[in-house]
Amino acid sequence: MGVLGMSYRFGHAAYRCVHPRESKFLMSRDKRVTATIKLTYADDADLIAWWKSIPNGSRNAVMKDIMREYIERNHGSYRPIYPRNQPQPFDPKYFMQLVEDAAWTRAALIDLPGYVERVIEHVISLGVVQADTPYTPTSTNGSMSDDAVQRRQQRTRQARW
């Protein structure tokens, strides 16, 4: 006796589809529903490879986990997903969120120079760095001689970036 397809539980009831010749011999306590998806090698090769990598006994549990996560992420409702080759419908909520995010990003970029200036002033006020001391690069590992440091500085000044 073989069961055709995969079985899924929806809500409190579960349904199972069996071969018509076997239905009178195989009576299930729970009714089941079979969910089918169509994958093409042209568009869904990555999904097919992933699906084939899952052991046969685990596929049902994986699909249930995926569906439950989708329900949780969308707060129990269905969010239509349109094929990639079709134009997406206008979503005013998504558009408003995009506008708000762009406004926040613009304000942050406008405020950035002032923020950096305040940070520099704060560091100077702590006395960590003297404002009138010019920056002189030195070797941190101490392995370069002063002559080598001067040659490197000379090459850096002459380089055309």
Foldseek 3Di string as FASTA:
>chain_A
DDFPAAWDDDDPAAATHRDPVCPVVDDDPGRTDHDDDDDDCVPCVVVVVVLVVDDPVCNRVVVVVVVVVVCVVVVNDDDDDDDPVDDDDDDVVVVVVVVVVVVVVVVCVVCVVVVVVVVVVVCVVVVPDPPPDDDDDDDPVPPDDPVRVVVVVVVVVVDDD
